[in-house]
Protein backbone atom coordinates (compact mmCIF):
# COMPACT_ATOMS: atom_id res chain seq x y z
CA UNK A 1 92.33 108.13 114.61
CA UNK A 2 95.47 107.79 112.53
CA UNK A 3 98.19 109.83 110.84
CA UNK A 4 98.73 109.53 107.09
CA UNK A 5 101.86 110.83 105.38
CA UNK A 6 104.24 112.35 104.65
CA UNK A 7 102.92 113.72 101.36
CA UNK A 8 104.67 116.06 98.91
CA UNK A 9 104.55 119.54 100.51
CA UNK A 10 101.62 121.66 99.33
CA UNK A 11 100.54 125.24 100.08
CA UNK A 12 101.39 126.12 103.65
CA UNK A 13 103.88 123.22 103.72
CA UNK A 14 101.09 120.76 104.51
CA UNK A 15 102.62 117.28 104.58
CA UNK A 16 100.44 115.12 106.82
CA UNK A 17 96.81 114.09 107.10
CA UNK A 18 95.04 113.42 110.39
CA UNK A 19 92.19 110.96 109.79
CA UNK A 20 89.32 110.09 112.12
CA UNK A 21 86.63 107.50 111.32
CA UNK A 22 83.43 106.83 113.24
CA UNK A 23 83.25 103.06 113.68
CA UNK A 24 79.49 102.79 113.13
CA UNK A 25 78.58 105.32 110.43
CA UNK A 26 82.00 105.21 108.69
CA UNK A 27 81.94 109.02 108.75
CA UNK A 28 85.41 110.34 107.87
CA UNK A 29 86.96 113.56 109.14
CA UNK A 30 90.37 114.46 107.72
CA UNK A 31 92.56 117.49 108.33
CA UNK A 32 95.80 118.34 106.45
CA UNK A 33 98.57 119.57 108.75
CA UNK A 34 102.09 120.90 108.35
CA UNK A 35 103.25 119.34 111.61
CA UNK A 36 101.82 116.46 113.57
CA UNK A 37 102.06 117.68 117.14
CA UNK A 38 100.06 116.74 120.20
CA UNK A 39 98.67 120.27 120.39
CA UNK A 40 97.46 120.18 116.77
CA UNK A 41 95.78 116.83 117.37
CA UNK A 42 94.13 118.13 120.54
CA UNK A 43 92.80 121.23 118.71
CA UNK A 44 91.46 119.11 115.85
CA UNK A 45 89.77 116.69 118.25
CA UNK A 46 88.10 119.55 120.10
CA UNK A 47 87.01 121.72 117.15
CA UNK A 48 86.23 119.14 114.47
CA UNK A 49 84.99 116.21 116.55
CA UNK A 50 83.73 117.17 120.00
CA UNK A 51 82.24 120.59 119.15
CA UNK A 52 80.43 119.15 116.10
CA UNK A 53 79.46 115.61 117.09
CA UNK A 54 79.72 115.53 120.87
CA UNK A 55 81.93 113.59 123.25
CA UNK A 56 82.70 110.09 122.03
CA UNK A 57 82.76 107.02 124.23
CA UNK A 58 86.29 105.99 123.21
CA UNK A 59 89.13 106.85 120.84
CA UNK A 60 91.35 104.24 119.17
CA UNK A 61 94.86 105.26 118.08
CA UNK A 62 98.24 103.67 117.54
CA UNK A 63 101.21 104.32 119.82
CA UNK A 64 102.70 107.31 118.01
CA UNK A 65 104.22 109.69 120.52
CA UNK A 66 101.68 112.41 119.69
CA UNK A 67 98.82 110.16 120.79
CA UNK A 68 100.37 108.81 123.98
CA UNK A 69 101.70 112.17 125.21
CA UNK A 70 100.59 112.90 128.76
CA UNK A 71 98.90 116.17 127.76
CA UNK A 72 96.68 114.35 125.24
CA UNK A 73 95.91 111.59 127.72
CA UNK A 74 94.88 114.23 130.28
CA UNK A 75 92.72 115.99 127.67
CA UNK A 76 90.80 112.78 126.92
CA UNK A 77 90.53 111.85 130.59
CA UNK A 78 89.00 115.21 131.51
CA UNK A 79 86.31 114.64 128.88
CA UNK A 80 85.66 111.08 129.99
CA UNK A 81 86.87 109.59 126.69
CA UNK A 82 88.43 106.15 126.99
CA UNK A 83 91.73 106.01 125.08
CA UNK A 84 92.44 102.63 123.46
CA UNK A 85 95.91 102.14 121.98
CA UNK A 86 96.75 99.44 119.47
CA UNK A 87 99.66 97.12 120.08
CA UNK A 88 102.61 96.84 117.71
CA UNK A 89 101.80 93.14 117.25
CA UNK A 90 98.17 93.83 116.28
CA UNK A 91 97.75 97.14 114.41
CA UNK A 92 94.49 95.81 112.89
CA UNK A 93 92.77 97.02 116.07
CA UNK A 94 92.67 100.42 114.36
CA UNK A 95 91.37 98.80 111.19
CA UNK A 96 88.69 101.36 110.33
CA UNK A 97 91.20 104.20 110.15
CA UNK A 98 93.63 102.04 108.19
CA UNK A 99 90.87 101.17 105.70
CA UNK A 100 89.96 104.85 105.33
CA UNK A 101 93.63 105.65 104.70
CA UNK A 102 93.71 103.14 101.83
CA UNK A 103 90.62 104.69 100.24
CA UNK A 104 92.03 108.21 100.54
CA UNK A 105 95.41 107.21 99.09
CA UNK A 106 93.86 105.27 96.22
CA UNK A 107 91.57 108.13 95.21
CA UNK A 108 94.32 110.75 95.52
CA UNK A 109 96.59 108.73 93.23
CA UNK A 110 93.79 108.39 90.66
CA UNK A 111 92.88 112.07 90.62
CA UNK A 112 96.22 113.82 90.94
CA UNK A 113 98.43 112.09 88.39
CA UNK A 114 101.69 114.04 88.35
CA UNK A 115 100.24 117.02 90.27
CA UNK A 116 100.96 115.40 93.62
CA UNK A 117 101.66 118.73 95.31
CA UNK A 118 97.93 119.53 95.10
CA UNK A 119 96.73 116.64 97.26
CA UNK A 120 95.31 118.92 99.99
CA UNK A 121 93.13 120.78 97.44
CA UNK A 122 91.64 117.53 96.16
CA UNK A 123 90.91 116.12 99.58
CA UNK A 124 87.39 117.54 99.96
CA UNK A 125 86.27 116.05 96.63
CA UNK A 126 87.40 112.61 97.72
CA UNK A 127 85.71 112.75 101.11
CA UNK A 128 82.46 114.09 99.65
CA UNK A 129 82.04 110.91 97.61
CA UNK A 130 81.83 108.84 100.81
CA UNK A 131 79.32 110.96 102.71
CA UNK A 132 75.89 109.86 101.57
CA UNK A 133 75.06 106.95 103.86
CA UNK A 134 77.28 108.04 106.79
CA UNK A 135 75.80 111.55 106.55
CA UNK A 136 72.27 110.22 106.89
CA UNK A 137 73.20 108.00 109.82
CA UNK A 138 74.86 110.95 111.54
CA UNK A 139 72.40 113.76 110.84
CA UNK A 140 69.18 111.91 110.01
CA UNK A 141 68.81 113.41 106.51
CA UNK A 142 70.26 112.91 103.05
CA UNK A 143 73.21 115.07 102.08
CA UNK A 144 72.91 117.63 99.29
CA UNK A 145 75.57 116.45 96.85
CA UNK A 146 77.48 118.60 94.36
CA UNK A 147 75.84 117.16 91.26
CA UNK A 148 72.48 118.56 92.40
CA UNK A 149 73.82 122.10 92.02
CA UNK A 150 74.70 121.76 88.33
CA UNK A 151 71.82 119.41 87.43
CA UNK A 152 68.80 120.42 89.52
CA UNK A 153 67.30 117.41 91.26
CA UNK A 154 63.60 116.79 91.90
CA UNK A 155 63.86 117.60 95.59
CA UNK A 156 65.41 120.99 94.80
CA UNK A 157 62.68 121.79 92.29
CA UNK A 158 59.84 120.98 94.71
CA UNK A 159 61.54 122.32 97.85
CA UNK A 160 59.15 123.75 100.44
CA UNK A 161 60.64 125.20 103.64
CA UNK A 162 57.69 124.29 105.90
CA UNK A 163 57.40 120.77 104.59
CA UNK A 164 61.17 120.36 104.77
CA UNK A 165 61.20 121.31 108.47
CA UNK A 166 58.47 118.76 109.20
CA UNK A 167 60.29 116.03 107.29
CA UNK A 168 63.55 116.78 109.09
CA UNK A 169 61.80 116.48 112.45
CA UNK A 170 60.28 113.15 111.38
CA UNK A 171 63.68 111.91 110.17
CA UNK A 172 65.24 112.74 113.53
CA UNK A 173 62.49 110.78 115.31
CA UNK A 174 63.30 107.75 113.16
CA UNK A 175 67.09 107.98 113.24
CA UNK A 176 67.52 105.33 115.97
CA UNK A 177 65.45 102.88 113.94
CA UNK A 178 67.48 103.75 110.85
CA UNK A 179 70.72 103.05 112.70
CA UNK A 180 69.43 99.70 113.98
CA UNK A 181 68.49 98.68 110.44
CA UNK A 182 71.90 99.79 109.19
CA UNK A 183 73.64 97.71 111.85
CA UNK A 184 71.66 94.59 110.91
CA UNK A 185 72.29 95.17 107.21
CA UNK A 186 76.01 95.69 107.85
CA UNK A 187 76.36 92.37 109.64
CA UNK A 188 74.47 90.60 106.85
CA UNK A 189 76.73 92.18 104.22
CA UNK A 190 79.84 91.11 106.11
CA UNK A 191 78.59 87.54 106.23
CA UNK A 192 77.76 87.48 102.51
CA UNK A 193 81.11 89.03 101.60
CA UNK A 194 82.95 86.45 103.68
CA UNK A 195 81.11 83.56 102.05
CA UNK A 196 81.62 84.98 98.55
CA UNK A 197 85.33 85.54 99.13
CA UNK A 198 85.85 82.02 100.48
CA UNK A 199 84.17 80.46 97.43
CA UNK A 200 86.30 82.45 94.97
CA UNK A 201 89.72 81.88 96.47
CA UNK A 202 91.90 80.05 93.96
CA UNK A 203 95.57 79.09 94.29
CA UNK A 204 97.88 80.94 91.89
CA UNK A 205 101.02 79.53 90.32
CA UNK A 206 103.68 81.15 88.15
CA UNK A 207 105.98 79.73 85.52
CA UNK A 208 109.45 80.81 84.49
CA UNK A 209 109.16 83.63 81.96
CA UNK A 210 105.82 85.01 83.21
CA UNK A 211 105.65 88.79 83.49
CA UNK A 212 105.01 89.96 87.03
CA UNK A 213 104.64 93.20 88.97
CA UNK A 214 107.08 93.78 91.80
CA UNK A 215 106.06 95.30 95.11
CA UNK A 216 108.20 98.38 95.66
CA UNK A 217 109.69 98.79 99.09
CA UNK A 218 110.33 102.21 100.57
CA UNK A 219 113.92 102.11 99.30
CA UNK A 220 112.74 101.86 95.66
CA UNK A 221 110.06 104.58 95.84
CA UNK A 222 110.63 108.19 94.83
CA UNK A 223 110.99 110.00 98.19
CA UNK A 224 109.64 113.24 96.71
CA UNK A 225 106.25 111.58 96.14
CA UNK A 226 105.89 110.38 99.72
CA UNK A 227 102.76 108.32 100.36
CA UNK A 228 101.54 109.03 96.82
CA UNK A 229 104.35 107.02 95.21
CA UNK A 230 103.17 103.88 93.31
CA UNK A 231 103.27 100.62 95.26
CA UNK A 232 104.11 98.40 92.29
CA UNK A 233 106.69 98.52 89.51
CA UNK A 234 107.05 96.61 86.27
CA UNK A 235 106.07 94.40 84.65
CA UNK A 236 109.30 92.43 84.77
């Protein structure tokens, strides 16, 4: 779980995004909020996580005051959820949430352009593009995606309610096997990606007069754009 923001204020003065990622399925839950308070985080955890997916084994967060507040610690303890906090020296412990944040920011910047005050409205479209495989690993069935509404797919044309119920029951029986296969495939992909990256690493050198992009620090970014401000400026 992580906090992303601040963003340019949108309807309802929403300025922050609370992001939760399941470590195995990569399922992302994100909720725009006007204020990041311990009570808001507790309500989100209860309504959007526990009531929908059940009680998790553990929850990884950073050391923001909202996460380490005694009331939130008590809430997790009563549910038997182990709270794991990242250290300042090693924030990568919460790497899944950080990776999800990068994806969300990148897609928001692509889609919004200058309409940065509409980031909350575009959030659902971004998250829906990441739901296919995680959805199946979570629910045991393929998600119905938006494109199938405009362009009728084969499974919508031949839909049969009785057969669908039988297939859903069969999918649920096989979900553990599906998750095991996904875990094996994930480890194999990580190994291949690591090998491929290591073989392609090349040293880079620059000469006087070359045009370069400059990484913009917080002091050089437009404060009105918040997290949606560009990270690079130039070329120089």
